[in-house]
Amino acid sequence: MFRTAIAGSLPKPGWLAETNKLWPKWSHEGDALKQAKLDATLMWIKAQEDAGLTTIGDGEQSRQHFVHGFLEQVDGIDFEHKVEMGIRADRYKAMVPQVVAPLKLKGRVHQAEARFLRAHTTRKVKFTLPGPMTIVDTVADRHYGDRAKLAYAFAELLNQEALALQADGVDIVQFDEPAFNVYMDEVATWGIGALERAASGLTCTTAVHICYGYGIQANLDWKKTLGDQWRQYEKVFPVLAKSSIDQVSLECIHSHVPPDLMALLKGKDVMVGVIDVASDEVETPEAVAETIANALRFVPRERLIACTNCGMAPMDRAIAMAKLEALARGAELAQRKTT
């Protein structure tokens, strides 16, 4: 059977945080919040298992945002005085914290949820971390004065946490780098180097997720400007193919990415996005199987993993659950049709 997984985030239930928002406010504080986070994590572990996914994630239920969830445990960052900044090449504005001093981890970042995830499923588990280039693009630098230098500083911290996650029993550590699709020239000059530093010393499976963003309006508007063919991957895939990273997650279904670009990832496992996170329409198993069959023209079947295009954090919970089921059913159908 084809392996199946989510890209990373899943919707937060209303009893944990605001719903249908990318940067939701928590519904609790203190110990009550800690418990609610774990309760939500357990709910999504069960939902992924029930759907039939082969790789299970925590759905990032303990993080308000996929980047800021890591930054909250880093010294040298001022969250009290956020500033408005354009991110992803000014695609949209966001209130971001400022880097004001040398960076240092306060301690473990995701120990509680990683160990909780490992303890509550016997299937392979994946844990996601923001990539160094994407972090750099989501903070205001008031200290280092150089994006590459800042990226390597974050890479050191990410590496510390990644090695600890491996020790916690995590099978796959994934770094999320949507910025790779925006700053393609910088990927080759320092982005890939910072990513390699973040993954240095890991013996578990390593992955990188590169997408065209969450299904929010700013990203939808940006995609409309990219033309009939989205060829950003054409620049970054050859660089990744030469890297030590084991798996690459990409956007596929309902995108304008030429499928043949997947052939540039020869030697890598490819997490093919077969679930659209920018639409509330639930894919049919047939549609998922068709996307997989199309990808098999360029990816060996033993290297193909059916995945979501991106995270589903802003999505309605019931729709997300239905899409998980479609993902697993479609992979099963593709298995039957292609063997």
C-alpha atoms as a PDB file:
ATOM      1  CA  MET A   1       0.000   0.000   0.000  1.00  0.00           C
ATOM      2  CA  PHE A   2       1.131   3.542  -0.677  1.00  0.00           C
ATOM      3  CA  ARG A   3       2.309   5.387   2.397  1.00  0.00           C
ATOM      4  CA  THR A   4       0.081   8.260   3.507  1.00  0.00           C
ATOM      5  CA  ALA A   5       0.657  11.314   5.694  1.00  0.00           C
ATOM      6  CA  ILE A   6      -0.439  14.859   6.392  1.00  0.00           C
ATOM      7  CA  ALA A   7       1.826  17.798   5.618  1.00  0.00           C
ATOM      8  CA  GLY A   8       1.631  19.086   9.174  1.00  0.00           C
ATOM      9  CA  SER A   9      -1.154  21.121  10.738  1.00  0.00           C
ATOM     10  CA  LEU A  10      -4.786  20.204  11.371  1.00  0.00           C
ATOM     11  CA  PRO A  11      -7.685  22.430  12.523  1.00  0.00           C
ATOM     12  CA  LYS A  12      -7.898  23.230  16.201  1.00  0.00           C
ATOM     13  CA  PRO A  13     -11.216  22.318  17.854  1.00  0.00           C
ATOM     14  CA  GLY A  14     -13.311  25.170  19.243  1.00  0.00           C
ATOM     15  CA  TRP A  15     -12.654  24.124  22.826  1.00  0.00           C
ATOM     16  CA  LEU A  16      -8.913  24.653  22.275  1.00  0.00           C
ATOM     17  CA  ALA A  17      -8.714  27.830  20.201  1.00  0.00           C
ATOM     18  CA  GLU A  18     -10.509  30.053  17.720  1.00  0.00           C
ATOM     19  CA  THR A  19     -11.575  28.103  14.658  1.00  0.00           C
ATOM     20  CA  ASN A  20     -10.902  28.765  10.969  1.00  0.00           C
ATOM     21  CA  LYS A  21      -7.982  31.059  11.747  1.00  0.00           C
ATOM     22  CA  LEU A  22      -4.299  30.770  10.933  1.00  0.00           C
ATOM     23  CA  TRP A  23      -3.247  32.691  14.078  1.00  0.00           C
ATOM     24  CA  PRO A  24      -5.964  31.669  16.585  1.00  0.00           C
ATOM     25  CA  LYS A  25      -6.302  32.829  20.185  1.00  0.00           C
ATOM     26  CA  TRP A  26      -6.217  30.096  22.823  1.00  0.00           C
ATOM     27  CA  SER A  27      -9.418  29.368  24.727  1.00  0.00           C
ATOM     28  CA  HIS A  28      -7.592  28.549  27.972  1.00  0.00           C
ATOM     29  CA  GLU A  29      -4.526  29.461  30.002  1.00  0.00           C
ATOM     30  CA  GLY A  30      -2.012  27.677  32.209  1.00  0.00           C
ATOM     31  CA  ASP A  31      -2.529  24.020  33.068  1.00  0.00           C
ATOM     32  CA  ALA A  32      -5.967  23.986  31.440  1.00  0.00           C
ATOM     33  CA  LEU A  33      -4.387  25.007  28.133  1.00  0.00           C
ATOM     34  CA  LYS A  34      -1.679  22.353  28.418  1.00  0.00           C
ATOM     35  CA  GLN A  35      -4.320  19.678  28.945  1.00  0.00           C
ATOM     36  CA  ALA A  36      -6.534  20.976  26.146  1.00  0.00           C
ATOM     37  CA  LYS A  37      -3.577  20.838  23.725  1.00  0.00           C
ATOM     38  CA  LEU A  38      -2.910  17.201  24.554  1.00  0.00           C
ATOM     39  CA  ASP A  39      -6.615  16.355  24.354  1.00  0.00           C
ATOM     40  CA  ALA A  40      -6.768  17.862  20.862  1.00  0.00           C
ATOM     41  CA  THR A  41      -3.603  16.006  19.875  1.00  0.00           C
ATOM     42  CA  LEU A  42      -5.132  12.702  20.997  1.00  0.00           C
ATOM     43  CA  MET A  43      -8.313  13.443  19.047  1.00  0.00           C
ATOM     44  CA  TRP A  44      -6.363  13.947  15.832  1.00  0.00           C
ATOM     45  CA  ILE A  45      -4.123  10.916  16.409  1.00  0.00           C
ATOM     46  CA  LYS A  46      -7.292   8.818  16.611  1.00  0.00           C
ATOM     47  CA  ALA A  47      -8.792  10.537  13.550  1.00  0.00           C
ATOM     48  CA  GLN A  48      -5.688   9.856  11.450  1.00  0.00           C
ATOM     49  CA  GLU A  49      -5.582   6.230  12.572  1.00  0.00           C
ATOM     50  CA  ASP A  50      -9.306   5.773  11.907  1.00  0.00           C
ATOM     51  CA  ALA A  51      -8.872   7.258   8.436  1.00  0.00           C
ATOM     52  CA  GLY A  52      -6.111   4.737   7.778  1.00  0.00           C
ATOM     53  CA  LEU A  53      -3.029   6.942   7.440  1.00  0.00           C
ATOM     54  CA  THR A  54       0.271   5.101   7.756  1.00  0.00           C
ATOM     55  CA  THR A  55       2.222   8.031   9.224  1.00  0.00           C
ATOM     56  CA  ILE A  56       0.760  10.018  12.115  1.00  0.00           C
ATOM     57  CA  GLY A  57       1.439  13.612  13.146  1.00  0.00           C
ATOM     58  CA  ASP A  58       0.384  15.736  16.108  1.00  0.00           C
ATOM     59  CA  GLY A  59      -1.483  18.174  13.866  1.00  0.00           C
ATOM     60  CA  GLU A  60       0.514  20.982  15.497  1.00  0.00           C
ATOM     61  CA  GLN A  61      -2.242  21.293  18.103  1.00  0.00           C
ATOM     62  CA  SER A  62       0.139  22.718  20.706  1.00  0.00           C
ATOM     63  CA  ARG A  63       1.290  25.573  18.469  1.00  0.00           C
ATOM     64  CA  GLN A  64      -0.537  28.800  17.753  1.00  0.00           C
ATOM     65  CA  HIS A  65       1.405  29.037  14.489  1.00  0.00           C
ATOM     66  CA  PHE A  66       3.869  26.671  12.856  1.00  0.00           C
ATOM     67  CA  VAL A  67       6.742  29.153  13.180  1.00  0.00           C
ATOM     68  CA  HIS A  68       5.882  30.954  16.396  1.00  0.00           C
ATOM     69  CA  GLY A  69       5.323  27.689  18.237  1.00  0.00           C
ATOM     70  CA  PHE A  70       9.068  27.158  18.001  1.00  0.00           C
ATOM     71  CA  LEU A  71      10.083  30.770  18.581  1.00  0.00           C
ATOM     72  CA  GLU A  72       8.264  30.960  21.914  1.00  0.00           C
ATOM     73  CA  GLN A  73      11.023  28.841  23.443  1.00  0.00           C
ATOM     74  CA  VAL A  74      13.910  30.919  22.083  1.00  0.00           C
ATOM     75  CA  ASP A  75      15.778  33.562  24.061  1.00  0.00           C
ATOM     76  CA  GLY A  76      16.722  36.696  22.130  1.00  0.00           C
ATOM     77  CA  ILE A  77      13.248  37.176  20.647  1.00  0.00           C
ATOM     78  CA  ASP A  78      10.921  39.970  21.777  1.00  0.00           C
ATOM     79  CA  PHE A  79       7.274  38.918  21.593  1.00  0.00           C
ATOM     80  CA  GLU A  80       6.111  41.901  23.645  1.00  0.00           C
ATOM     81  CA  HIS A  81       6.808  44.432  20.917  1.00  0.00           C
ATOM     82  CA  LYS A  82       5.667  42.836  17.671  1.00  0.00           C
ATOM     83  CA  VAL A  83       5.916  44.846  14.480  1.00  0.00           C
ATOM     84  CA  GLU A  84       4.013  44.621  11.226  1.00  0.00           C
ATOM     85  CA  MET A  85       6.086  43.168   8.424  1.00  0.00           C
ATOM     86  CA  GLY A  86       5.507  41.904   4.922  1.00  0.00           C
ATOM     87  CA  ILE A  87       6.422  38.225   4.680  1.00  0.00           C
ATOM     88  CA  ARG A  88       6.910  35.845   1.735  1.00  0.00           C
ATOM     89  CA  ALA A  89       8.224  38.738  -0.392  1.00  0.00           C
ATOM     90  CA  ASP A  90       5.510  41.034   0.971  1.00  0.00           C
ATOM     91  CA  ARG A  91       2.702  38.682  -0.106  1.00  0.00           C
ATOM     92  CA  TYR A  92       0.858  39.578   3.083  1.00  0.00           C
ATOM     93  CA  LYS A  93       1.360  41.505   6.288  1.00  0.00           C
ATOM     94  CA  ALA A  94       1.714  39.922   9.708  1.00  0.00           C
ATOM     95  CA  MET A  95       2.554  41.029  13.227  1.00  0.00           C
ATOM     96  CA  VAL A  96       5.887  39.379  13.950  1.00  0.00           C
ATOM     97  CA  PRO A  97       8.279  39.246  16.928  1.00  0.00           C
ATOM     98  CA  GLN A  98      11.695  40.870  16.801  1.00  0.00           C
ATOM     99  CA  VAL A  99      15.133  39.282  17.122  1.00  0.00           C
ATOM    100  CA  VAL A 100      16.899  41.582  19.592  1.00  0.00           C
ATOM    101  CA  ALA A 101      19.794  39.518  21.003  1.00  0.00           C
ATOM    102  CA  PRO A 102      21.834  36.340  20.370  1.00  0.00           C
ATOM    103  CA  LEU A 103      19.565  33.333  19.951  1.00  0.00           C
ATOM    104  CA  LYS A 104      19.492  30.491  22.463  1.00  0.00           C
ATOM    105  CA  LEU A 105      16.979  27.795  23.326  1.00  0.00           C
ATOM    106  CA  LYS A 106      15.297  28.173  26.710  1.00  0.00           C
ATOM    107  CA  GLY A 107      15.105  24.381  26.895  1.00  0.00           C
ATOM    108  CA  ARG A 108      13.151  21.700  25.084  1.00  0.00           C
ATOM    109  CA  VAL A 109      10.537  23.056  22.686  1.00  0.00           C
ATOM    110  CA  HIS A 110       8.240  20.174  21.748  1.00  0.00           C
ATOM    111  CA  GLN A 111       9.121  17.425  24.209  1.00  0.00           C
ATOM    112  CA  ALA A 112       5.668  17.074  25.764  1.00  0.00           C
ATOM    113  CA  GLU A 113       3.711  16.737  22.523  1.00  0.00           C
ATOM    114  CA  ALA A 114       6.350  14.620  20.760  1.00  0.00           C
ATOM    115  CA  ARG A 115       6.488  12.074  23.576  1.00  0.00           C
ATOM    116  CA  PHE A 116       2.692  12.144  23.850  1.00  0.00           C
ATOM    117  CA  LEU A 117       2.406  11.452  20.125  1.00  0.00           C
ATOM    118  CA  ARG A 118       4.911   8.590  20.313  1.00  0.00           C
ATOM    119  CA  ALA A 119       3.146   7.059  23.315  1.00  0.00           C
ATOM    120  CA  HIS A 120      -0.298   7.031  21.700  1.00  0.00           C
ATOM    121  CA  THR A 121       0.282   5.313  18.365  1.00  0.00           C
ATOM    122  CA  THR A 122       2.227   2.317  17.172  1.00  0.00           C
ATOM    123  CA  ARG A 123       2.498   3.706  13.639  1.00  0.00           C
ATOM    124  CA  LYS A 124       5.364   5.784  12.338  1.00  0.00           C
ATOM    125  CA  VAL A 125       5.246   9.340  13.619  1.00  0.00           C
ATOM    126  CA  LYS A 126       6.334  12.550  11.936  1.00  0.00           C
ATOM    127  CA  PHE A 127       7.067  15.804  13.714  1.00  0.00           C
ATOM    128  CA  THR A 128       7.355  19.132  11.944  1.00  0.00           C
ATOM    129  CA  LEU A 129       9.638  22.089  12.584  1.00  0.00           C
ATOM    130  CA  PRO A 130       9.836  25.388  10.710  1.00  0.00           C
ATOM    131  CA  GLY A 131      12.820  25.596   8.387  1.00  0.00           C
ATOM    132  CA  PRO A 132      15.503  28.235   9.019  1.00  0.00           C
ATOM    133  CA  MET A 133      14.807  30.274   5.865  1.00  0.00           C
ATOM    134  CA  THR A 134      11.088  30.410   6.626  1.00  0.00           C
ATOM    135  CA  ILE A 135      11.750  31.486  10.216  1.00  0.00           C
ATOM    136  CA  VAL A 136      14.008  34.285   8.965  1.00  0.00           C
ATOM    137  CA  ASP A 137      11.152  35.420   6.720  1.00  0.00           C
ATOM    138  CA  THR A 138       8.713  35.453   9.662  1.00  0.00           C
ATOM    139  CA  VAL A 139      10.639  37.592  12.171  1.00  0.00           C
ATOM    140  CA  ALA A 140      11.996  41.130  12.219  1.00  0.00           C
ATOM    141  CA  ASP A 141      15.780  41.082  12.613  1.00  0.00           C
ATOM    142  CA  ARG A 142      17.106  43.811  14.879  1.00  0.00           C
ATOM    143  CA  HIS A 143      20.342  42.065  15.848  1.00  0.00           C
ATOM    144  CA  TYR A 144      22.151  39.902  13.252  1.00  0.00           C
ATOM    145  CA  GLY A 145      21.821  42.219  10.264  1.00  0.00           C
ATOM    146  CA  ASP A 146      22.236  39.419   7.716  1.00  0.00           C
ATOM    147  CA  ARG A 147      19.568  36.918   6.634  1.00  0.00           C
ATOM    148  CA  ALA A 148      22.013  34.074   6.030  1.00  0.00           C
ATOM    149  CA  LYS A 149      23.745  34.584   9.368  1.00  0.00           C
ATOM    150  CA  LEU A 150      20.367  34.649  11.106  1.00  0.00           C
ATOM    151  CA  ALA A 151      19.278  31.487   9.278  1.00  0.00           C
ATOM    152  CA  TYR A 152      22.341  29.571  10.458  1.00  0.00           C
ATOM    153  CA  ALA A 153      21.750  30.796  14.006  1.00  0.00           C
ATOM    154  CA  PHE A 154      18.225  29.390  13.869  1.00  0.00           C
ATOM    155  CA  ALA A 155      19.530  26.213  12.209  1.00  0.00           C
ATOM    156  CA  GLU A 156      21.726  25.534  15.243  1.00  0.00           C
ATOM    157  CA  LEU A 157      18.683  25.696  17.527  1.00  0.00           C
ATOM    158  CA  LEU A 158      16.532  23.634  15.190  1.00  0.00           C
ATOM    159  CA  ASN A 159      19.234  20.985  15.111  1.00  0.00           C
ATOM    160  CA  GLN A 160      19.293  20.779  18.898  1.00  0.00           C
ATOM    161  CA  GLU A 161      15.536  20.233  19.014  1.00  0.00           C
ATOM    162  CA  ALA A 162      15.538  17.834  16.039  1.00  0.00           C
ATOM    163  CA  LEU A 163      18.139  15.591  17.683  1.00  0.00           C
ATOM    164  CA  ALA A 164      16.074  15.612  20.873  1.00  0.00           C
ATOM    165  CA  LEU A 165      12.915  14.722  18.914  1.00  0.00           C
ATOM    166  CA  GLN A 166      14.768  11.794  17.422  1.00  0.00           C
ATOM    167  CA  ALA A 167      15.653  10.660  20.935  1.00  0.00           C
ATOM    168  CA  ASP A 168      11.960  11.001  21.853  1.00  0.00           C
ATOM    169  CA  GLY A 169      11.193   8.293  19.292  1.00  0.00           C
ATOM    170  CA  VAL A 170      10.152  10.414  16.308  1.00  0.00           C
ATOM    171  CA  ASP A 171      10.596   8.512  13.042  1.00  0.00           C
ATOM    172  CA  ILE A 172      10.526  11.475  10.652  1.00  0.00           C
ATOM    173  CA  VAL A 173      11.614  15.048  11.337  1.00  0.00           C
ATOM    174  CA  GLN A 174      10.245  17.445   8.737  1.00  0.00           C
ATOM    175  CA  PHE A 175      11.337  21.035   8.165  1.00  0.00           C
ATOM    176  CA  ASP A 176       8.734  23.331   6.620  1.00  0.00           C
ATOM    177  CA  GLU A 177      10.217  25.696   4.044  1.00  0.00           C
ATOM    178  CA  PRO A 178       7.484  27.502   2.082  1.00  0.00           C
ATOM    179  CA  ALA A 179      10.013  30.333   1.695  1.00  0.00           C
ATOM    180  CA  PHE A 180      11.926  28.069  -0.711  1.00  0.00           C
ATOM    181  CA  ASN A 181       9.191  28.787  -3.264  1.00  0.00           C
ATOM    182  CA  VAL A 182       9.681  32.535  -2.878  1.00  0.00           C
ATOM    183  CA  TYR A 183      13.419  33.155  -2.589  1.00  0.00           C
ATOM    184  CA  MET A 184      14.637  30.589  -5.113  1.00  0.00           C
ATOM    185  CA  ASP A 185      18.059  32.162  -5.703  1.00  0.00           C
ATOM    186  CA  GLU A 186      18.805  32.304  -1.968  1.00  0.00           C
ATOM    187  CA  VAL A 187      17.968  28.596  -1.629  1.00  0.00           C
ATOM    188  CA  ALA A 188      21.149  27.709  -3.480  1.00  0.00           C
ATOM    189  CA  THR A 189      23.351  30.328  -1.817  1.00  0.00           C
ATOM    190  CA  TRP A 190      22.389  29.801   1.838  1.00  0.00           C
ATOM    191  CA  GLY A 191      18.926  28.263   2.252  1.00  0.00           C
ATOM    192  CA  ILE A 192      19.971  24.689   1.538  1.00  0.00           C
ATOM    193  CA  GLY A 193      23.080  25.068   3.685  1.00  0.00           C
ATOM    194  CA  ALA A 194      21.022  26.240   6.645  1.00  0.00           C
ATOM    195  CA  LEU A 195      18.575  23.371   6.106  1.00  0.00           C
ATOM    196  CA  GLU A 196      21.420  20.855   6.033  1.00  0.00           C
ATOM    197  CA  ARG A 197      22.767  22.323   9.264  1.00  0.00           C
ATOM    198  CA  ALA A 198      19.350  21.957  10.901  1.00  0.00           C
ATOM    199  CA  ALA A 199      19.275  18.270   9.904  1.00  0.00           C
ATOM    200  CA  SER A 200      22.923  17.558  10.745  1.00  0.00           C
ATOM    201  CA  GLY A 201      23.537  14.356  12.691  1.00  0.00           C
ATOM    202  CA  LEU A 202      20.008  12.990  12.344  1.00  0.00           C
ATOM    203  CA  THR A 203      19.786   9.265  11.659  1.00  0.00           C
ATOM    204  CA  CYS A 204      15.984   9.208  11.517  1.00  0.00           C
ATOM    205  CA  THR A 205      14.239  10.060   8.231  1.00  0.00           C
ATOM    206  CA  THR A 206      14.455  13.733   7.301  1.00  0.00           C
ATOM    207  CA  ALA A 207      11.962  15.654   5.194  1.00  0.00           C
ATOM    208  CA  VAL A 208      11.328  19.122   3.842  1.00  0.00           C
ATOM    209  CA  HIS A 209       7.920  20.535   2.965  1.00  0.00           C
ATOM    210  CA  ILE A 210       7.764  23.153   0.207  1.00  0.00           C
ATOM    211  CA  CYS A 211       4.336  24.444  -0.751  1.00  0.00           C
ATOM    212  CA  TYR A 212       2.498  27.455  -2.099  1.00  0.00           C
ATOM    213  CA  GLY A 213       1.004  28.279   1.292  1.00  0.00           C
ATOM    214  CA  TYR A 214      -2.088  27.739   3.385  1.00  0.00           C
ATOM    215  CA  GLY A 215      -5.508  28.149   1.819  1.00  0.00           C
ATOM    216  CA  ILE A 216      -5.844  31.797   2.885  1.00  0.00           C
ATOM    217  CA  GLN A 217      -6.913  34.621   0.588  1.00  0.00           C
ATOM    218  CA  ALA A 218      -3.468  36.217   0.317  1.00  0.00           C
ATOM    219  CA  ASN A 219      -2.028  32.962  -0.990  1.00  0.00           C
ATOM    220  CA  LEU A 220      -4.941  32.379  -3.350  1.00  0.00           C
ATOM    221  CA  ASP A 221      -4.453  35.850  -4.801  1.00  0.00           C
ATOM    222  CA  TRP A 222      -0.717  35.251  -5.208  1.00  0.00           C
ATOM    223  CA  LYS A 223      -1.279  31.987  -7.057  1.00  0.00           C
ATOM    224  CA  LYS A 224      -3.414  33.820  -9.605  1.00  0.00           C
ATOM    225  CA  THR A 225      -0.353  35.871 -10.561  1.00  0.00           C
ATOM    226  CA  LEU A 226       1.875  32.849 -11.234  1.00  0.00           C
ATOM    227  CA  GLY A 227       0.530  32.039 -14.689  1.00  0.00           C
ATOM    228  CA  ASP A 228      -0.465  28.761 -16.287  1.00  0.00           C
ATOM    229  CA  GLN A 229       2.666  26.953 -15.077  1.00  0.00           C
ATOM    230  CA  TRP A 230       4.154  27.203 -11.598  1.00  0.00           C
ATOM    231  CA  ARG A 231       7.830  26.453 -12.130  1.00  0.00           C
ATOM    232  CA  GLN A 232       9.334  27.541  -8.794  1.00  0.00           C
ATOM    233  CA  TYR A 233      10.152  23.911  -7.990  1.00  0.00           C
ATOM    234  CA  GLU A 234      12.324  23.764 -11.108  1.00  0.00           C
ATOM    235  CA  LYS A 235      14.960  25.860  -9.349  1.00  0.00           C
ATOM    236  CA  VAL A 236      14.915  24.246  -5.921  1.00  0.00           C
ATOM    237  CA  PHE A 237      14.397  20.544  -6.699  1.00  0.00           C
ATOM    238  CA  PRO A 238      17.846  20.002  -8.289  1.00  0.00           C
ATOM    239  CA  VAL A 239      19.455  21.532  -5.209  1.00  0.00           C
ATOM    240  CA  LEU A 240      17.396  19.304  -2.918  1.00  0.00           C
ATOM    241  CA  ALA A 241      18.167  16.232  -5.034  1.00  0.00           C
ATOM    242  CA  LYS A 242      21.849  16.717  -4.177  1.00  0.00           C
ATOM    243  CA  SER A 243      21.137  17.231  -0.468  1.00  0.00           C
ATOM    244  CA  SER A 244      21.067  14.722   2.374  1.00  0.00           C
ATOM    245  CA  ILE A 245      17.331  15.263   2.994  1.00  0.00           C
ATOM    246  CA  ASP A 246      15.402  12.002   2.496  1.00  0.00           C
ATOM    247  CA  GLN A 247      11.892  13.186   1.608  1.00  0.00           C
ATOM    248  CA  VAL A 248      10.412  16.188  -0.209  1.00  0.00           C
ATOM    249  CA  SER A 249       6.786  17.264   0.225  1.00  0.00           C
ATOM    250  CA  LEU A 250       5.231  19.221  -2.633  1.00  0.00           C
ATOM    251  CA  GLU A 251       1.951  20.691  -3.843  1.00  0.00           C
ATOM    252  CA  CYS A 252       0.276  18.829  -6.692  1.00  0.00           C
ATOM    253  CA  ILE A 253      -3.515  18.478  -6.917  1.00  0.00           C
ATOM    254  CA  HIS A 254      -5.319  21.519  -8.347  1.00  0.00           C
ATOM    255  CA  SER A 255      -2.000  23.297  -8.789  1.00  0.00           C
ATOM    256  CA  HIS A 256      -0.304  24.466 -11.969  1.00  0.00           C
ATOM    257  CA  VAL A 257       2.918  22.665 -11.112  1.00  0.00           C
ATOM    258  CA  PRO A 258       4.104  20.699 -14.181  1.00  0.00           C
ATOM    259  CA  PRO A 259       4.091  17.074 -12.948  1.00  0.00           C
ATOM    260  CA  ASP A 260       7.319  16.262 -14.781  1.00  0.00           C
ATOM    261  CA  LEU A 261       9.213  18.477 -12.320  1.00  0.00           C
ATOM    262  CA  MET A 262       8.882  15.626  -9.817  1.00  0.00           C
ATOM    263  CA  ALA A 263      11.428  13.729 -11.893  1.00  0.00           C
ATOM    264  CA  LEU A 264      14.022  16.256 -10.709  1.00  0.00           C
ATOM    265  CA  LEU A 265      13.841  14.614  -7.262  1.00  0.00           C
ATOM    266  CA  LYS A 266      15.416  11.348  -8.384  1.00  0.00           C
ATOM    267  CA  GLY A 267      16.668   9.406  -5.374  1.00  0.00           C
ATOM    268  CA  LYS A 268      14.273  11.061  -2.925  1.00  0.00           C
ATOM    269  CA  ASP A 269      10.979   9.932  -1.423  1.00  0.00           C
ATOM    270  CA  VAL A 270       8.317  12.294  -2.750  1.00  0.00           C
ATOM    271  CA  MET A 271       5.317  13.323  -0.660  1.00  0.00           C
ATOM    272  CA  VAL A 272       2.838  14.163  -3.414  1.00  0.00           C
ATOM    273  CA  GLY A 273       0.056  16.558  -2.438  1.00  0.00           C
ATOM    274  CA  VAL A 274      -3.177  14.788  -3.401  1.00  0.00           C
ATOM    275  CA  ILE A 275      -5.478  16.787  -1.100  1.00  0.00           C
ATOM    276  CA  ASP A 276      -6.236  20.460  -1.821  1.00  0.00           C
ATOM    277  CA  VAL A 277      -6.147  22.528   1.381  1.00  0.00           C
ATOM    278  CA  ALA A 278      -7.405  25.668  -0.394  1.00  0.00           C
ATOM    279  CA  SER A 279     -10.830  24.190  -1.166  1.00  0.00           C
ATOM    280  CA  ASP A 280     -13.652  22.902   1.024  1.00  0.00           C
ATOM    281  CA  GLU A 281     -14.641  20.428  -1.661  1.00  0.00           C
ATOM    282  CA  VAL A 282     -13.747  16.959  -0.433  1.00  0.00           C
ATOM    283  CA  GLU A 283     -11.809  14.944  -2.974  1.00  0.00           C
ATOM    284  CA  THR A 284     -13.216  11.632  -4.133  1.00  0.00           C
ATOM    285  CA  PRO A 285     -11.041   8.544  -3.778  1.00  0.00           C
ATOM    286  CA  GLU A 286     -11.048   8.417  -7.584  1.00  0.00           C
ATOM    287  CA  ALA A 287      -9.595  11.937  -7.833  1.00  0.00           C
ATOM    288  CA  VAL A 288      -6.877  11.079  -5.311  1.00  0.00           C
ATOM    289  CA  ALA A 289      -6.053   7.863  -7.162  1.00  0.00           C
ATOM    290  CA  GLU A 290      -5.840   9.780 -10.439  1.00  0.00           C
ATOM    291  CA  THR A 291      -3.365  12.268  -8.946  1.00  0.00           C
ATOM    292  CA  ILE A 292      -1.252   9.385  -7.646  1.00  0.00           C
ATOM    293  CA  ALA A 293      -1.350   7.638 -11.025  1.00  0.00           C
ATOM    294  CA  ASN A 294      -0.214  10.837 -12.733  1.00  0.00           C
ATOM    295  CA  ALA A 295       2.668  11.228 -10.263  1.00  0.00           C
ATOM    296  CA  LEU A 296       3.746   7.623 -10.847  1.00  0.00           C
ATOM    297  CA  ARG A 297       4.848   8.628 -14.328  1.00  0.00           C
ATOM    298  CA  PHE A 298       7.700  10.515 -12.673  1.00  0.00           C
ATOM    299  CA  VAL A 299       8.117   8.969  -9.200  1.00  0.00           C
ATOM    300  CA  PRO A 300       8.871   5.285  -8.516  1.00  0.00           C
ATOM    301  CA  ARG A 301       5.959   3.757  -6.606  1.00  0.00           C
ATOM    302  CA  GLU A 302       8.179   2.707  -3.695  1.00  0.00           C
ATOM    303  CA  ARG A 303       9.194   6.352  -3.270  1.00  0.00           C
ATOM    304  CA  LEU A 304       5.708   7.905  -3.509  1.00  0.00           C
ATOM    305  CA  ILE A 305       3.893   9.029  -0.361  1.00  0.00           C
ATOM    306  CA  ALA A 306       0.363  10.416  -0.718  1.00  0.00           C
ATOM    307  CA  CYS A 307       0.060  13.610   1.303  1.00  0.00           C
ATOM    308  CA  THR A 308      -1.858  16.858   1.680  1.00  0.00           C
ATOM    309  CA  ASN A 309      -0.755  19.896  -0.332  1.00  0.00           C
ATOM    310  CA  CYS A 310      -0.081  21.863   2.845  1.00  0.00           C
ATOM    311  CA  GLY A 311      -1.337  22.169   6.403  1.00  0.00           C
ATOM    312  CA  MET A 312      -5.049  22.358   7.140  1.00  0.00           C
ATOM    313  CA  ALA A 313      -4.974  24.638  10.196  1.00  0.00           C
ATOM    314  CA  PRO A 314      -7.528  27.235   8.961  1.00  0.00           C
ATOM    315  CA  MET A 315      -9.943  24.604   7.623  1.00  0.00           C
ATOM    316  CA  ASP A 316     -13.246  23.452   9.085  1.00  0.00           C
ATOM    317  CA  ARG A 317     -12.686  20.431  11.295  1.00  0.00           C
ATOM    318  CA  ALA A 318     -15.339  18.214   9.686  1.00  0.00           C
ATOM    319  CA  ILE A 319     -14.025  18.945   6.195  1.00  0.00           C
ATOM    320  CA  ALA A 320     -10.477  18.168   7.287  1.00  0.00           C
ATOM    321  CA  MET A 321     -11.592  14.830   8.710  1.00  0.00           C
ATOM    322  CA  ALA A 322     -13.399  13.973   5.469  1.00  0.00           C
ATOM    323  CA  LYS A 323     -10.285  14.868   3.478  1.00  0.00           C
ATOM    324  CA  LEU A 324      -8.156  12.553   5.634  1.00  0.00           C
ATOM    325  CA  GLU A 325     -10.515   9.707   4.794  1.00  0.00           C
ATOM    326  CA  ALA A 326     -10.388  10.615   1.100  1.00  0.00           C
ATOM    327  CA  LEU A 327      -6.589  10.578   1.266  1.00  0.00           C
ATOM    328  CA  ALA A 328      -6.464   7.061   2.670  1.00  0.00           C
ATOM    329  CA  ARG A 329      -9.273   5.680   0.479  1.00  0.00           C
ATOM    330  CA  GLY A 330      -7.709   7.195  -2.616  1.00  0.00           C
ATOM    331  CA  ALA A 331      -4.327   5.651  -1.813  1.00  0.00           C
ATOM    332  CA  GLU A 332      -5.985   2.261  -1.388  1.00  0.00           C
ATOM    333  CA  LEU A 333      -7.758   2.660  -4.716  1.00  0.00           C
ATOM    334  CA  ALA A 334      -4.543   3.688  -6.444  1.00  0.00           C
ATOM    335  CA  GLN A 335      -2.842   0.601  -5.023  1.00  0.00           C
ATOM    336  CA  ARG A 336      -5.503  -1.657  -6.529  1.00  0.00           C
ATOM    337  CA  LYS A 337      -5.504   0.119  -9.885  1.00  0.00           C
ATOM    338  CA  THR A 338      -1.743   0.232 -10.356  1.00  0.00           C
ATOM    339  CA  THR A 339      -0.744  -3.303  -9.335  1.00  0.00           C
END
